[in-house]
């Protein structure tokens, strides 16, 4: 019996060690950020004559946002004779007609605008980008997804960095149009703030690789070609191309002070679909590229960071394992776990697995909102709960990538919900618009996990282990993700919304 306890507890410790490793990495990122915070990139010089830029707008069934996107592009502060607008339309609904009409209108206003419509969708977004790049006129490609609203000066703030002929990409930071729409959008914004302000800045300024985020950035067309072009054997073609280009010697620039606003998913199903695609795609890139990265003649720090980045989503499998292993430990079923050494080890592992995450996201808010960052602290428990609640959805994505299960590119539904939209207006838009493809199984599994941890918390309270009960409370995030998905399903029964097709 003691042997079984030792094996179980050892597995628990190993899982925590794995999760703590990624937590420690977040602290390293925070350190690198503050160490290099004043090391801001600057253009080598200014272009004497502005180069030709092609703006590529990949869209698929975006009838609610495409007009807003095209109007924002039409207001870019860049010479019309140096600007080409390509609408990469793969739509199967009335979006195609809207794009054709808008392209014609833009041409009448003096813009070089064209709608490139495909009917086969081969390669999905990567296929559309690949086909359009072959016929593009610009030496530089500015890519914008349909839910983005670029500021008028965004091109002028980026283009001069390409006076350095080694620069292959300039990426801007995402901002969030509907950040305060509901709790889910606010938590997503905090997640993304951490990624952009901390991770992307730290990686770029410390000489490590960082990746294009699929939109709101400018590529040098020669860098795309040199890296082998857009490939569509993963769901994250942006990450794939980024690593290939940087291993070819191209330098990337991240501008954390230049923001490009976008719309966040407003419901749980849309968020899950997005996270599933990003998670699965990153593991696919890991399987495809990690060996090449480790063998490449690049700095060791770049190899280590790329390894951590590409393997980070495996932590969702560790989190699911922890859910099965934690019961006997928390409920004190092991007699030997009261050793002072094991208590200290548990504390250290808990610190790196949980507290480090809070430090990471708090640092991002301090960097972005130095005067009001403290107002975001109240969201940290909900942030941890959402991260845990998403583990079933994202672990499924990891397993699909590991076993080679192929799935199509599922777009994230966008509804044209701005910062001033009311809940009622948003609800009406969602009923008229698109809905993410739903899975009934995932919410049921999440409910099962939620019930299990609720029972454990009740048991801990009855035993008087109040601190343990509080520390277990983020695991109730399974209820949040499951019940929000069920709400989406119920809402779908009363609206004619279309599924967000692949």
Protein backbone atom coordinates (compact mmCIF):
# COMPACT_ATOMS: atom_id res chain seq x y z
CA UNK A 1 0.00 0.00 0.00
CA UNK A 2 2.83 2.36 0.87
CA UNK A 3 4.43 1.64 -2.52
CA UNK A 4 1.23 2.64 -4.32
CA UNK A 5 1.09 5.87 -2.29
CA UNK A 6 4.68 6.68 -3.16
CA UNK A 7 4.06 6.08 -6.87
CA UNK A 8 0.91 8.22 -6.80
CA UNK A 9 2.58 11.04 -4.88
CA UNK A 10 5.66 10.89 -7.11
CA UNK A 11 3.45 11.25 -10.20
CA UNK A 12 1.73 14.23 -8.57
CA UNK A 13 5.09 15.88 -7.85
CA UNK A 14 6.36 15.22 -11.39
CA UNK A 15 3.26 16.82 -12.91
CA UNK A 16 3.69 19.85 -10.65
CA UNK A 17 7.38 20.05 -11.59
CA UNK A 18 6.40 20.14 -15.26
CA UNK A 19 3.82 22.86 -14.70
CA UNK A 20 6.22 24.78 -12.48
CA UNK A 21 8.78 24.80 -15.26
CA UNK A 22 6.42 26.77 -17.47
CA UNK A 23 5.60 29.01 -14.50
CA UNK A 24 9.31 29.69 -13.99
CA UNK A 25 9.55 30.57 -17.66
CA UNK A 26 6.90 33.24 -17.17
CA UNK A 27 9.04 34.80 -14.43
CA UNK A 28 12.03 34.74 -16.77
CA UNK A 29 9.93 36.55 -19.39
CA UNK A 30 8.96 39.19 -16.81
CA UNK A 31 12.64 39.64 -15.92
CA UNK A 32 13.65 39.96 -19.59
CA UNK A 33 10.87 42.48 -20.19
CA UNK A 34 11.89 44.83 -17.37
CA UNK A 35 15.58 44.38 -18.18
CA UNK A 36 14.99 45.50 -21.78
CA UNK A 37 12.07 47.86 -21.25
CA UNK A 38 14.07 50.88 -22.44
CA UNK A 39 15.67 49.04 -25.35
CA UNK A 40 13.09 50.30 -27.84
CA UNK A 41 13.60 49.47 -31.53
CA UNK A 42 14.20 52.37 -33.89
CA UNK A 43 14.27 52.55 -37.71
CA UNK A 44 17.71 52.50 -39.28
CA UNK A 45 16.66 55.53 -41.32
CA UNK A 46 13.59 56.87 -43.15
CA UNK A 47 12.57 56.01 -46.67
CA UNK A 48 13.22 58.90 -49.04
CA UNK A 49 10.48 57.50 -51.22
CA UNK A 50 7.80 55.32 -49.68
CA UNK A 51 7.65 51.77 -51.07
CA UNK A 52 4.63 50.03 -52.52
CA UNK A 53 2.55 48.24 -49.86
CA UNK A 54 -0.10 45.58 -50.50
CA UNK A 55 -2.81 45.33 -47.85
CA UNK A 56 -4.14 41.78 -47.73
CA UNK A 57 -7.54 41.21 -46.09
CA UNK A 58 -8.41 37.50 -45.76
CA UNK A 59 -12.16 37.16 -45.18
CA UNK A 60 -14.57 34.25 -44.94
CA UNK A 61 -18.26 34.88 -44.28
CA UNK A 62 -17.64 38.24 -42.59
CA UNK A 63 -20.76 40.14 -43.63
CA UNK A 64 -21.04 41.88 -40.24
CA UNK A 65 -17.53 43.34 -40.16
CA UNK A 66 -16.16 43.55 -43.69
CA UNK A 67 -17.49 47.05 -44.43
CA UNK A 68 -15.99 48.38 -41.19
CA UNK A 69 -12.64 46.81 -42.09
CA UNK A 70 -12.54 48.22 -45.61
CA UNK A 71 -13.48 51.72 -44.47
CA UNK A 72 -10.65 51.64 -41.93
CA UNK A 73 -8.21 50.55 -44.65
CA UNK A 74 -9.47 53.34 -46.92
CA UNK A 75 -8.49 55.84 -44.23
CA UNK A 76 -4.88 54.69 -43.97
CA UNK A 77 -2.52 57.64 -44.12
CA UNK A 78 -0.48 56.35 -47.05
CA UNK A 79 -0.25 57.57 -50.66
CA UNK A 80 -2.92 55.96 -52.81
CA UNK A 81 -0.45 55.39 -55.63
CA UNK A 82 1.71 53.36 -53.23
CA UNK A 83 -1.12 51.24 -51.87
CA UNK A 84 -2.76 48.09 -53.20
CA UNK A 85 -5.78 46.58 -51.45
CA UNK A 86 -6.41 42.86 -51.92
CA UNK A 87 -9.64 41.41 -50.48
CA UNK A 88 -9.00 37.67 -50.19
CA UNK A 89 -12.55 36.39 -50.17
CA UNK A 90 -13.34 32.71 -49.68
CA UNK A 91 -16.91 33.34 -48.54
CA UNK A 92 -19.93 31.17 -49.19
CA UNK A 93 -22.55 33.77 -48.28
CA UNK A 94 -23.43 37.35 -49.20
CA UNK A 95 -20.02 38.57 -48.00
CA UNK A 96 -18.70 38.01 -51.53
CA UNK A 97 -21.24 40.43 -53.00
CA UNK A 98 -20.40 43.00 -50.32
CA UNK A 99 -16.69 42.66 -51.05
CA UNK A 100 -17.18 43.04 -54.79
CA UNK A 101 -19.29 46.17 -54.35
CA UNK A 102 -16.86 47.67 -51.83
CA UNK A 103 -13.88 46.99 -54.08
CA UNK A 104 -15.66 48.74 -56.94
CA UNK A 105 -16.48 51.68 -54.66
CA UNK A 106 -12.85 51.94 -53.52
CA UNK A 107 -11.66 51.94 -57.13
CA UNK A 108 -14.04 54.82 -57.85
CA UNK A 109 -12.38 56.70 -54.99
CA UNK A 110 -8.96 56.24 -56.55
CA UNK A 111 -7.73 53.12 -54.74
CA UNK A 112 -6.10 50.14 -56.39
CA UNK A 113 -8.52 47.61 -54.91
CA UNK A 114 -9.36 44.10 -56.04
CA UNK A 115 -11.51 41.27 -54.68
CA UNK A 116 -9.89 37.88 -55.22
CA UNK A 117 -12.64 35.32 -54.74
CA UNK A 118 -11.87 31.61 -54.40
CA UNK A 119 -14.42 28.82 -54.45
CA UNK A 120 -12.33 25.83 -53.35
CA UNK A 121 -10.73 27.23 -50.14
CA UNK A 122 -7.68 24.99 -50.58
CA UNK A 123 -5.21 25.70 -47.79
CA UNK A 124 -7.78 27.93 -46.04
CA UNK A 125 -6.24 31.24 -44.91
CA UNK A 126 -2.68 30.18 -45.78
CA UNK A 127 -3.86 29.13 -49.25
CA UNK A 128 -5.57 32.48 -49.80
CA UNK A 129 -2.45 34.38 -48.68
CA UNK A 130 -0.22 32.23 -50.86
CA UNK A 131 -2.37 32.77 -53.97
CA UNK A 132 -2.70 36.52 -53.40
CA UNK A 133 0.99 37.08 -52.66
CA UNK A 134 1.92 35.62 -56.07
CA UNK A 135 0.00 38.44 -57.82
CA UNK A 136 0.62 41.24 -55.30
CA UNK A 137 2.26 44.44 -56.49
CA UNK A 138 3.84 45.57 -53.23
CA UNK A 139 7.26 44.64 -51.88
CA UNK A 140 5.66 44.71 -48.44
CA UNK A 141 2.49 42.90 -47.31
CA UNK A 142 0.28 44.31 -44.53
CA UNK A 143 -2.11 41.60 -43.33
CA UNK A 144 -5.33 42.36 -41.45
CA UNK A 145 -8.00 39.93 -40.28
CA UNK A 146 -11.63 40.94 -40.74
CA UNK A 147 -12.27 42.05 -37.14
CA UNK A 148 -9.39 44.55 -37.01
CA UNK A 149 -9.67 48.33 -37.18
CA UNK A 150 -6.26 49.82 -37.98
CA UNK A 151 -5.54 53.42 -37.06
CA UNK A 152 -4.83 55.73 -39.97
CA UNK A 153 -1.13 56.10 -39.16
CA UNK A 154 -0.33 52.44 -38.53
CA UNK A 155 1.49 51.94 -41.86
CA UNK A 156 3.64 55.03 -41.42
CA UNK A 157 4.63 53.88 -37.94
CA UNK A 158 5.88 50.55 -39.28
CA UNK A 159 7.20 50.97 -42.79
CA UNK A 160 10.46 52.80 -42.03
CA UNK A 161 11.83 49.84 -40.04
CA UNK A 162 12.24 48.10 -43.39
CA UNK A 163 15.05 50.51 -44.33
CA UNK A 164 17.11 47.83 -42.59
CA UNK A 165 17.32 45.21 -45.33
CA UNK A 166 17.60 42.42 -42.73
CA UNK A 167 14.12 43.14 -41.29
CA UNK A 168 11.55 40.67 -42.57
CA UNK A 169 8.55 41.47 -40.33
CA UNK A 170 7.19 44.29 -38.21
CA UNK A 171 4.40 43.27 -35.80
CA UNK A 172 2.13 45.63 -33.85
CA UNK A 173 0.41 44.96 -30.53
CA UNK A 174 -3.27 44.02 -30.49
CA UNK A 175 -5.75 46.18 -28.62
CA UNK A 176 -9.33 45.20 -27.91
CA UNK A 177 -12.36 47.11 -29.16
CA UNK A 178 -14.81 45.31 -26.88
CA UNK A 179 -12.54 44.66 -23.87
CA UNK A 180 -15.21 45.61 -21.32
CA UNK A 181 -18.17 44.01 -23.07
CA UNK A 182 -18.46 41.16 -20.56
CA UNK A 183 -16.33 39.14 -18.14
CA UNK A 184 -15.13 36.77 -20.85
CA UNK A 185 -13.86 39.53 -23.14
CA UNK A 186 -12.12 41.24 -20.22
CA UNK A 187 -10.32 38.03 -19.25
CA UNK A 188 -9.32 37.40 -22.87
CA UNK A 189 -7.90 40.92 -23.03
CA UNK A 190 -5.76 40.27 -19.95
CA UNK A 191 -4.52 36.98 -21.44
CA UNK A 192 -3.56 38.72 -24.70
CA UNK A 193 -2.00 41.68 -22.89
CA UNK A 194 0.33 39.22 -21.20
CA UNK A 195 1.25 37.59 -24.48
CA UNK A 196 1.87 40.79 -26.41
CA UNK A 197 3.32 43.14 -23.80
CA UNK A 198 5.39 40.59 -21.88
CA UNK A 199 6.21 37.66 -24.18
CA UNK A 200 6.53 39.35 -27.55
CA UNK A 201 8.44 42.35 -26.19
CA UNK A 202 10.80 40.26 -24.05
CA UNK A 203 11.56 37.80 -26.84
CA UNK A 204 12.19 40.46 -29.44
CA UNK A 205 14.32 42.80 -27.34
CA UNK A 206 16.43 40.02 -25.79
CA UNK A 207 17.45 38.51 -29.12
CA UNK A 208 15.11 35.53 -29.05
CA UNK A 209 12.65 34.46 -31.74
CA UNK A 210 9.08 35.71 -31.64
CA UNK A 211 6.28 34.92 -34.03
CA UNK A 212 3.92 36.79 -36.32
CA UNK A 213 0.41 36.81 -34.85
CA UNK A 214 -1.37 36.22 -38.13
CA UNK A 215 -2.53 39.82 -38.51
CA UNK A 216 -1.67 43.47 -37.77
CA UNK A 217 1.86 43.13 -39.10
CA UNK A 218 3.86 43.86 -42.25
CA UNK A 219 5.94 41.24 -44.04
CA UNK A 220 8.71 41.88 -46.50
CA UNK A 221 7.62 39.82 -49.50
CA UNK A 222 11.19 38.68 -50.12
CA UNK A 223 11.30 37.19 -46.59
CA UNK A 224 8.12 35.19 -47.23
CA UNK A 225 9.59 33.82 -50.46
CA UNK A 226 13.00 33.09 -48.94
CA UNK A 227 11.40 31.14 -46.07
CA UNK A 228 9.50 28.92 -48.49
CA UNK A 229 6.19 30.80 -48.65
CA UNK A 230 2.93 30.16 -46.88
CA UNK A 231 2.40 26.49 -46.04
CA UNK A 232 -0.91 25.03 -44.89
CA UNK A 233 0.00 21.76 -43.19
CA UNK A 234 -0.66 23.34 -39.78
CA UNK A 235 -3.52 25.44 -38.39
CA UNK A 236 -1.11 28.22 -37.39
CA UNK A 237 0.55 29.15 -40.65
CA UNK A 238 1.75 32.41 -39.11
CA UNK A 239 3.85 30.66 -36.44
CA UNK A 240 5.18 28.17 -38.97
CA UNK A 241 6.37 30.84 -41.41
CA UNK A 242 7.82 32.94 -38.59
CA UNK A 243 10.20 30.24 -37.42
CA UNK A 244 11.25 29.35 -40.96
CA UNK A 245 12.00 33.00 -41.77
CA UNK A 246 13.99 33.66 -38.61
CA UNK A 247 16.05 30.51 -39.11
CA UNK A 248 16.89 31.94 -42.54
CA UNK A 249 18.40 34.96 -40.78
CA UNK A 250 15.57 37.48 -41.12
CA UNK A 251 15.13 39.89 -38.21
CA UNK A 252 11.72 40.69 -36.74
CA UNK A 253 10.64 43.88 -34.97
CA UNK A 254 7.84 44.08 -32.40
CA UNK A 255 6.33 47.50 -31.66
CA UNK A 256 4.52 47.33 -28.33
CA UNK A 257 3.66 51.03 -28.50
CA UNK A 258 1.83 50.74 -31.83
CA UNK A 259 -1.60 49.18 -31.31
CA UNK A 260 -4.11 47.76 -33.78
CA UNK A 261 -7.59 47.28 -32.25
CA UNK A 262 -9.63 44.13 -32.86
CA UNK A 263 -12.81 42.44 -31.71
CA UNK A 264 -12.65 39.66 -29.14
CA UNK A 265 -15.01 36.63 -29.19
CA UNK A 266 -18.00 37.53 -27.04
CA UNK A 267 -19.22 34.03 -26.18
CA UNK A 268 -17.62 30.86 -24.87
CA UNK A 269 -18.10 28.77 -28.02
CA UNK A 270 -16.31 31.34 -30.15
CA UNK A 271 -13.49 31.56 -27.61
CA UNK A 272 -13.18 27.76 -27.42
CA UNK A 273 -13.05 27.45 -31.21
CA UNK A 274 -10.29 30.05 -31.36
CA UNK A 275 -8.29 28.48 -28.53
CA UNK A 276 -8.67 24.99 -30.02
CA UNK A 277 -7.24 26.20 -33.33
CA UNK A 278 -4.35 28.11 -31.74
CA UNK A 279 -3.48 25.26 -29.37
CA UNK A 280 -3.64 22.50 -31.96
CA UNK A 281 -1.76 24.59 -34.49
CA UNK A 282 1.10 25.34 -32.11
CA UNK A 283 1.57 21.63 -31.34
CA UNK A 284 1.53 20.89 -35.07
CA UNK A 285 4.27 23.47 -35.59
CA UNK A 286 6.17 21.96 -32.66
CA UNK A 287 6.09 18.53 -34.28
CA UNK A 288 7.04 19.99 -37.65
CA UNK A 289 9.71 22.53 -36.67
CA UNK A 290 11.26 21.78 -33.28
CA UNK A 291 13.81 19.31 -34.61
CA UNK A 292 14.95 21.76 -37.28
CA UNK A 293 15.18 24.55 -34.71
CA UNK A 294 17.34 22.48 -32.35
CA UNK A 295 19.66 21.51 -35.21
CA UNK A 296 19.86 25.02 -36.68
CA UNK A 297 22.87 27.31 -36.27
CA UNK A 298 21.12 29.84 -34.08
CA UNK A 299 21.91 31.14 -30.57
CA UNK A 300 21.25 28.73 -27.70
CA UNK A 301 18.91 31.22 -26.02
CA UNK A 302 16.78 31.28 -29.18
CA UNK A 303 16.63 27.47 -29.20
CA UNK A 304 15.63 27.29 -25.54
CA UNK A 305 12.94 29.94 -25.89
CA UNK A 306 11.54 28.34 -29.04
CA UNK A 307 11.44 24.96 -27.29
CA UNK A 308 9.54 26.39 -24.33
CA UNK A 309 7.20 28.33 -26.60
CA UNK A 310 6.36 25.40 -28.87
CA UNK A 311 5.90 22.87 -26.06
CA UNK A 312 3.98 25.17 -23.69
CA UNK A 313 0.55 23.85 -24.66
CA UNK A 314 1.50 20.35 -23.54
CA UNK A 315 0.94 21.80 -20.06
CA UNK A 316 -2.81 21.35 -20.65
CA UNK A 317 -2.23 17.60 -20.55
CA UNK A 318 -0.35 18.05 -17.28
CA UNK A 319 -3.24 20.08 -15.88
CA UNK A 320 -5.71 17.31 -16.74
CA UNK A 321 -3.41 14.77 -15.10
CA UNK A 322 -3.24 16.97 -12.03
CA UNK A 323 -7.03 16.88 -11.79
CA UNK A 324 -6.82 13.09 -11.36
CA UNK A 325 -3.80 13.09 -9.05
CA UNK A 326 -4.72 15.90 -6.68
CA UNK A 327 -7.49 14.21 -4.68
CA UNK A 328 -5.49 12.00 -2.26
CA UNK A 329 -2.92 14.77 -1.73
CA UNK A 330 -5.40 17.53 -0.93
CA UNK A 331 -7.55 15.21 1.17
CA UNK A 332 -4.40 14.13 3.09
CA UNK A 333 -4.65 10.44 2.29
CA UNK A 334 -0.86 10.05 2.40
CA UNK A 335 0.68 9.79 5.87
CA UNK A 336 4.19 10.79 4.76
CA UNK A 337 3.17 14.03 3.04
CA UNK A 338 3.35 15.99 6.31
CA UNK A 339 7.14 15.93 6.15
CA UNK A 340 8.51 19.49 6.34
CA UNK A 341 10.54 18.86 3.18
CA UNK A 342 7.50 17.76 1.19
CA UNK A 343 5.47 20.71 2.50
CA UNK A 344 8.25 23.08 1.38
CA UNK A 345 8.47 21.36 -2.00
CA UNK A 346 4.70 21.62 -2.44
CA UNK A 347 4.81 25.32 -1.64
CA UNK A 348 7.61 26.03 -4.12
CA UNK A 349 5.89 24.08 -6.87
CA UNK A 350 2.58 25.80 -6.15
CA UNK A 351 4.34 29.18 -6.31
CA UNK A 352 5.81 28.56 -9.75
CA UNK A 353 2.66 26.88 -11.08
CA UNK A 354 0.16 29.51 -9.85
CA UNK A 355 1.60 32.65 -8.24
CA UNK A 356 4.09 33.13 -11.09
CA UNK A 357 1.16 33.30 -13.51
CA UNK A 358 -0.42 36.10 -11.46
CA UNK A 359 2.90 38.00 -11.38
CA UNK A 360 3.18 37.63 -15.16
CA UNK A 361 -0.25 39.06 -15.97
CA UNK A 362 0.00 41.75 -13.29
CA UNK A 363 3.31 42.90 -14.80
CA UNK A 364 1.63 43.23 -18.19
CA UNK A 365 -1.07 45.46 -16.71
CA UNK A 366 1.55 47.59 -14.92
CA UNK A 367 3.35 48.04 -18.24
CA UNK A 368 0.20 48.96 -20.19
CA UNK A 369 -1.75 50.80 -17.47
CA UNK A 370 0.83 52.19 -15.01
CA UNK A 371 -1.74 54.35 -13.20
CA UNK A 372 -4.71 51.98 -13.06
CA UNK A 373 -3.15 48.50 -13.13
CA UNK A 374 -4.37 47.72 -9.61
CA UNK A 375 -7.96 47.77 -10.85
CA UNK A 376 -7.22 44.57 -12.80
CA UNK A 377 -6.17 42.58 -9.72
CA UNK A 378 -9.76 41.63 -8.96
CA UNK A 379 -9.82 39.63 -12.21
CA UNK A 380 -6.85 37.39 -11.36
CA UNK A 381 -8.90 34.65 -9.60
CA UNK A 382 -11.26 34.56 -12.57
CA UNK A 383 -8.26 34.45 -14.91
CA UNK A 384 -6.90 31.36 -13.15
CA UNK A 385 -10.37 29.78 -13.17
CA UNK A 386 -10.81 30.36 -16.91
CA UNK A 387 -7.35 28.95 -17.64
CA UNK A 388 -8.19 25.80 -15.69
CA UNK A 389 -11.68 25.57 -17.16
CA UNK A 390 -10.27 25.68 -20.70
CA UNK A 391 -7.94 22.74 -20.04
CA UNK A 392 -10.39 20.09 -21.32
CA UNK A 393 -10.99 21.94 -24.58
CA UNK A 394 -7.30 22.65 -25.12
CA UNK A 395 -6.07 19.22 -23.99
CA UNK A 396 -8.35 17.75 -26.67
CA UNK A 397 -6.64 20.02 -29.22
CA UNK A 398 -3.19 18.84 -28.07
CA UNK A 399 -4.17 15.18 -28.33
CA UNK A 400 -5.63 15.71 -31.82
CA UNK A 401 -2.31 17.19 -32.94
CA UNK A 402 -0.29 14.42 -31.29
CA UNK A 403 -2.22 11.62 -32.99
CA UNK A 404 -2.32 13.44 -36.31
CA UNK A 405 -6.06 13.98 -36.43
CA UNK A 406 -6.72 16.39 -39.28
CA UNK A 407 -9.31 19.14 -38.91
CA UNK A 408 -10.28 22.11 -41.01
CA UNK A 409 -9.61 25.76 -40.23
CA UNK A 410 -12.60 26.94 -38.17
CA UNK A 411 -12.99 30.71 -38.16
CA UNK A 412 -13.83 32.65 -35.03
CA UNK A 413 -17.29 34.27 -35.37
CA UNK A 414 -17.22 38.07 -35.50
CA UNK A 415 -20.27 40.22 -34.98
CA UNK A 416 -19.08 43.80 -35.43
CA UNK A 417 -19.52 44.50 -31.72
CA UNK A 418 -17.72 47.70 -30.78
CA UNK A 419 -16.90 49.21 -27.42
CA UNK A 420 -20.23 51.06 -27.24
CA UNK A 421 -22.47 48.12 -28.15
CA UNK A 422 -25.16 47.25 -25.62
CA UNK A 423 -25.83 43.67 -24.58
CA UNK A 424 -29.19 43.77 -26.37
CA UNK A 425 -27.67 45.05 -29.61
CA UNK A 426 -24.95 42.42 -29.42
CA UNK A 427 -27.49 39.66 -28.83
CA UNK A 428 -29.45 40.73 -31.91
CA UNK A 429 -26.27 40.73 -34.01
CA UNK A 430 -25.29 37.28 -32.78
CA UNK A 431 -28.68 35.85 -33.71
CA UNK A 432 -28.31 37.25 -37.21
CA UNK A 433 -24.69 36.26 -37.55
CA UNK A 434 -22.56 33.20 -37.20
CA UNK A 435 -22.09 30.73 -34.38
CA UNK A 436 -19.10 28.57 -33.59
CA UNK A 437 -19.41 24.84 -34.16
CA UNK A 438 -20.48 23.29 -30.86
CA UNK A 439 -19.37 20.15 -29.06
CA UNK A 440 -21.76 18.65 -26.52
CA UNK A 441 -19.17 16.29 -25.08
CA UNK A 442 -16.70 18.94 -23.89
CA UNK A 443 -19.22 20.83 -21.68
CA UNK A 444 -20.39 17.53 -20.14
CA UNK A 445 -16.82 16.57 -19.26
CA UNK A 446 -16.26 20.04 -17.83
CA UNK A 447 -19.39 19.73 -15.67
CA UNK A 448 -18.14 16.38 -14.37
CA UNK A 449 -14.81 17.93 -13.40
CA UNK A 450 -16.61 20.89 -11.83
CA UNK A 451 -18.83 18.65 -9.72
CA UNK A 452 -15.84 16.63 -8.55
CA UNK A 453 -13.94 19.71 -7.39
CA UNK A 454 -17.04 21.24 -5.81
CA UNK A 455 -17.43 18.05 -3.78
CA UNK A 456 -13.77 18.23 -2.76
CA UNK A 457 -14.10 21.85 -1.67
CA UNK A 458 -17.17 21.01 0.43
CA UNK A 459 -15.27 18.14 2.07
CA UNK A 460 -12.34 20.43 2.85
CA UNK A 461 -14.63 23.01 4.42
CA UNK A 462 -16.29 20.34 6.56
CA UNK A 463 -12.82 19.23 7.72
CA UNK A 464 -11.90 22.81 8.58
CA UNK A 465 -9.21 23.00 5.85
CA UNK A 466 -10.30 26.47 4.76
CA UNK A 467 -7.02 27.48 3.12
CA UNK A 468 -6.99 24.32 1.00
CA UNK A 469 -10.60 24.99 0.01
CA UNK A 470 -9.69 28.52 -1.13
CA UNK A 471 -6.69 27.24 -3.10
CA UNK A 472 -8.94 24.70 -4.81
CA UNK A 473 -11.57 27.27 -5.80
CA UNK A 474 -10.07 28.11 -9.25
CA UNK A 475 -10.94 24.56 -10.31
CA UNK A 476 -14.59 25.66 -10.25
CA UNK A 477 -13.70 27.35 -13.54
CA UNK A 478 -14.91 24.13 -15.15
CA UNK A 479 -18.45 25.24 -14.29
CA UNK A 480 -17.88 28.62 -15.96
CA UNK A 481 -16.66 27.21 -19.28
CA UNK A 482 -19.31 24.46 -19.37
CA UNK A 483 -22.31 26.55 -18.36
CA UNK A 484 -21.37 29.34 -20.77
CA UNK A 485 -21.20 26.78 -23.59
CA UNK A 486 -24.58 25.39 -22.60
CA UNK A 487 -25.97 28.92 -22.60
CA UNK A 488 -24.69 29.32 -26.18
CA UNK A 489 -26.43 26.09 -27.17
CA UNK A 490 -29.72 27.22 -25.64
CA UNK A 491 -29.43 30.61 -27.34
CA UNK A 492 -28.83 28.82 -30.63
CA UNK A 493 -32.19 27.13 -30.36
CA UNK A 494 -33.91 30.53 -30.55
CA UNK A 495 -31.86 32.13 -33.29
CA UNK A 496 -31.30 31.39 -36.98
CA UNK A 497 -27.56 31.96 -36.77
CA UNK A 498 -25.30 30.03 -39.10
CA UNK A 499 -22.40 27.90 -37.95
CA UNK A 500 -18.94 29.29 -38.48
CA UNK A 501 -17.94 26.96 -41.25
CA UNK A 502 -14.47 25.59 -41.73
